[in-house]
Amino acid sequence: MTAVLVTVHLLAAGIWFGGSTALVFVGVPAIRTLEGEPRGRAMKALGLRWRPLGYGALVVAALTGIALASREWQHSTEFQVVFWTKVVLFLCLLVVSYLHNFVLGPRLQAEIRDGLEPRTRPRLVLVGWLSYSLTMALPILGVVLARLVN
């Protein structure tokens, strides 16, 4: 059963990580070549298509991570520090992703649509890079946890 959990966990994490990487380095730069309303529509469409797959994978990764942690739990200080650090970073990722996708993104769209100066863009970019940094940190901590268990 552990092998199945690990496999599903890694696939889900891979979907989130790979999809996020594709968005950051392929999708968004390609859309930046557009201007005005087509750019906004394309960015919104990309986000709406990604959300069910990405957030679904994130939920699966969280649930299988909890199951794996309960099976492999160790009382060593090292294990617990890494585990709880991973939990905190995961929760930070959820908050930052929420801000990016449901607060700042729509705010920037409204600014552009209303012909206002897009003041939200720098914060959106910063939050996006923070989200991607957390996305990179989580599998690294997963490897550290796996090494502590084995």
Protein backbone atom coordinates (compact mmCIF):
# COMPACT_ATOMS: atom_id res chain seq x y z
CA MET A 1 0.00 0.00 0.00
CA THR A 2 2.86 2.39 0.75
CA ALA A 3 4.20 1.97 -2.79
CA VAL A 4 0.81 2.99 -4.21
CA LEU A 5 0.64 6.03 -1.94
CA VAL A 6 4.17 7.08 -2.89
CA THR A 7 3.40 6.64 -6.60
CA VAL A 8 0.18 8.67 -6.45
CA HIS A 9 1.88 11.30 -4.28
CA LEU A 10 4.77 11.68 -6.72
CA LEU A 11 2.47 11.83 -9.74
CA ALA A 12 0.31 14.50 -8.12
CA ALA A 13 3.34 16.51 -7.02
CA GLY A 14 4.78 16.13 -10.51
CA ILE A 15 1.61 17.49 -12.08
CA TRP A 16 1.68 20.54 -9.79
CA PHE A 17 5.43 21.11 -10.19
CA GLY A 18 5.53 20.45 -13.94
CA GLY A 19 2.42 22.47 -14.64
CA SER A 20 3.67 25.38 -12.57
CA THR A 21 7.01 25.25 -14.37
CA ALA A 22 5.29 25.21 -17.76
CA LEU A 23 3.13 28.18 -16.77
CA VAL A 24 6.05 30.24 -15.46
CA PHE A 25 8.51 29.56 -18.27
CA VAL A 26 6.28 28.87 -21.30
CA GLY A 27 2.64 29.95 -20.90
CA VAL A 28 3.03 33.36 -19.30
CA PRO A 29 5.97 34.50 -21.49
CA ALA A 30 4.04 33.48 -24.63
CA ILE A 31 0.97 35.41 -23.48
CA ARG A 32 3.09 38.47 -22.68
CA THR A 33 3.62 38.92 -26.42
CA LEU A 34 -0.06 39.87 -26.69
CA GLU A 35 -1.41 43.31 -25.88
CA GLY A 36 -4.58 44.67 -24.29
CA GLU A 37 -7.77 42.64 -24.11
CA PRO A 38 -6.41 39.54 -25.98
CA ARG A 39 -3.64 39.32 -23.40
CA GLY A 40 -6.10 39.49 -20.51
CA ARG A 41 -8.42 36.91 -22.08
CA ALA A 42 -5.55 34.54 -22.80
CA MET A 43 -4.15 34.85 -19.25
CA LYS A 44 -7.59 34.25 -17.76
CA ALA A 45 -8.23 31.25 -20.01
CA LEU A 46 -4.86 29.75 -19.11
CA GLY A 47 -5.55 30.17 -15.40
CA LEU A 48 -9.07 28.74 -15.62
CA ARG A 49 -7.87 25.68 -17.53
CA TRP A 50 -5.00 25.08 -15.09
CA ARG A 51 -6.91 25.44 -11.82
CA PRO A 52 -8.90 22.18 -11.78
CA LEU A 53 -5.90 20.09 -12.79
CA GLY A 54 -3.36 21.94 -10.67
CA TYR A 55 -5.41 22.33 -7.52
CA GLY A 56 -6.77 18.80 -7.89
CA ALA A 57 -3.21 17.51 -8.00
CA LEU A 58 -2.31 19.66 -5.00
CA VAL A 59 -5.20 18.18 -2.98
CA VAL A 60 -4.19 14.63 -3.95
CA ALA A 61 -0.57 15.38 -3.01
CA ALA A 62 -1.69 16.74 0.36
CA LEU A 63 -3.94 13.77 1.14
CA THR A 64 -1.37 11.17 0.12
CA GLY A 65 1.30 13.14 1.98
CA ILE A 66 -0.77 12.96 5.16
CA ALA A 67 -1.29 9.23 4.67
CA LEU A 68 2.41 8.66 4.05
CA ALA A 69 3.43 10.73 7.06
CA SER A 70 1.08 8.77 9.30
CA ARG A 71 2.58 5.48 8.04
CA GLU A 72 6.20 6.59 8.23
CA TRP A 73 6.00 8.84 11.30
CA GLN A 74 9.18 9.07 13.31
CA HIS A 75 9.69 10.71 16.65
CA SER A 76 13.16 11.97 15.83
CA THR A 77 13.66 15.70 16.04
CA GLU A 78 15.10 15.83 12.50
CA PHE A 79 12.07 14.13 10.99
CA GLN A 80 9.60 16.32 12.85
CA VAL A 81 11.41 19.57 12.01
CA VAL A 82 11.49 18.72 8.30
CA PHE A 83 7.91 17.43 8.32
CA TRP A 84 6.46 20.48 10.07
CA THR A 85 8.53 22.82 7.89
CA LYS A 86 7.02 21.10 4.86
CA VAL A 87 3.51 21.45 6.29
CA VAL A 88 4.03 25.17 6.99
CA LEU A 89 5.46 25.78 3.50
CA PHE A 90 2.55 23.86 1.96
CA LEU A 91 0.07 26.05 3.85
CA CYS A 92 2.00 29.13 2.72
CA LEU A 93 1.76 27.85 -0.86
CA LEU A 94 -2.01 27.57 -0.51
CA VAL A 95 -2.28 31.14 0.80
CA VAL A 96 0.06 32.60 -1.81
CA SER A 97 -1.65 30.70 -4.64
CA TYR A 98 -5.03 31.92 -3.45
CA LEU A 99 -3.78 35.52 -3.39
CA HIS A 100 -2.26 35.16 -6.84
CA ASN A 101 -5.23 33.50 -8.52
CA PHE A 102 -8.26 34.88 -6.72
CA VAL A 103 -7.23 38.31 -5.40
CA LEU A 104 -4.35 39.91 -7.28
CA GLY A 105 -5.00 38.36 -10.71
CA PRO A 106 -8.61 39.54 -10.88
CA ARG A 107 -7.59 42.94 -9.46
CA LEU A 108 -5.01 43.39 -12.23
CA GLN A 109 -7.57 42.35 -14.85
CA ALA A 110 -10.00 44.94 -13.51
CA GLU A 111 -7.33 47.65 -13.57
CA ILE A 112 -6.49 46.87 -17.19
CA ARG A 113 -10.15 46.56 -18.20
CA ASP A 114 -10.99 49.90 -16.58
CA GLY A 115 -8.04 51.63 -18.26
CA LEU A 116 -6.26 52.28 -14.96
CA GLU A 117 -2.54 52.16 -14.34
CA PRO A 118 -1.82 48.46 -13.58
CA ARG A 119 -0.46 49.00 -10.05
CA THR A 120 -1.13 45.41 -9.01
CA ARG A 121 1.28 43.86 -11.53
CA PRO A 122 4.49 44.09 -9.40
CA ARG A 123 2.77 42.45 -6.42
CA LEU A 124 1.25 39.77 -8.66
CA VAL A 125 4.67 38.97 -10.13
CA LEU A 126 6.28 38.87 -6.68
CA VAL A 127 3.57 36.60 -5.30
CA GLY A 128 3.85 34.39 -8.39
CA TRP A 129 7.58 33.92 -7.88
CA LEU A 130 7.03 33.26 -4.19
CA SER A 131 4.49 30.59 -5.13
CA TYR A 132 6.96 29.00 -7.54
CA SER A 133 9.74 29.09 -4.94
CA LEU A 134 7.50 27.27 -2.47
CA THR A 135 6.59 24.82 -5.23
CA MET A 136 10.31 24.04 -5.67
CA ALA A 137 10.99 23.77 -1.93
CA LEU A 138 8.30 21.18 -1.21
CA PRO A 139 9.71 18.27 -3.25
CA ILE A 140 13.18 19.01 -1.90
CA LEU A 141 11.83 18.63 1.62
CA GLY A 142 10.05 15.46 0.49
CA VAL A 143 13.39 13.97 -0.56
CA VAL A 144 14.88 14.92 2.80
CA LEU A 145 11.96 13.24 4.59
CA ALA A 146 12.31 10.10 2.48
CA ARG A 147 16.01 9.90 3.35
CA LEU A 148 15.25 10.29 7.04
CA VAL A 149 12.73 7.44 6.89
CA ASN A 150 15.04 5.05 5.02
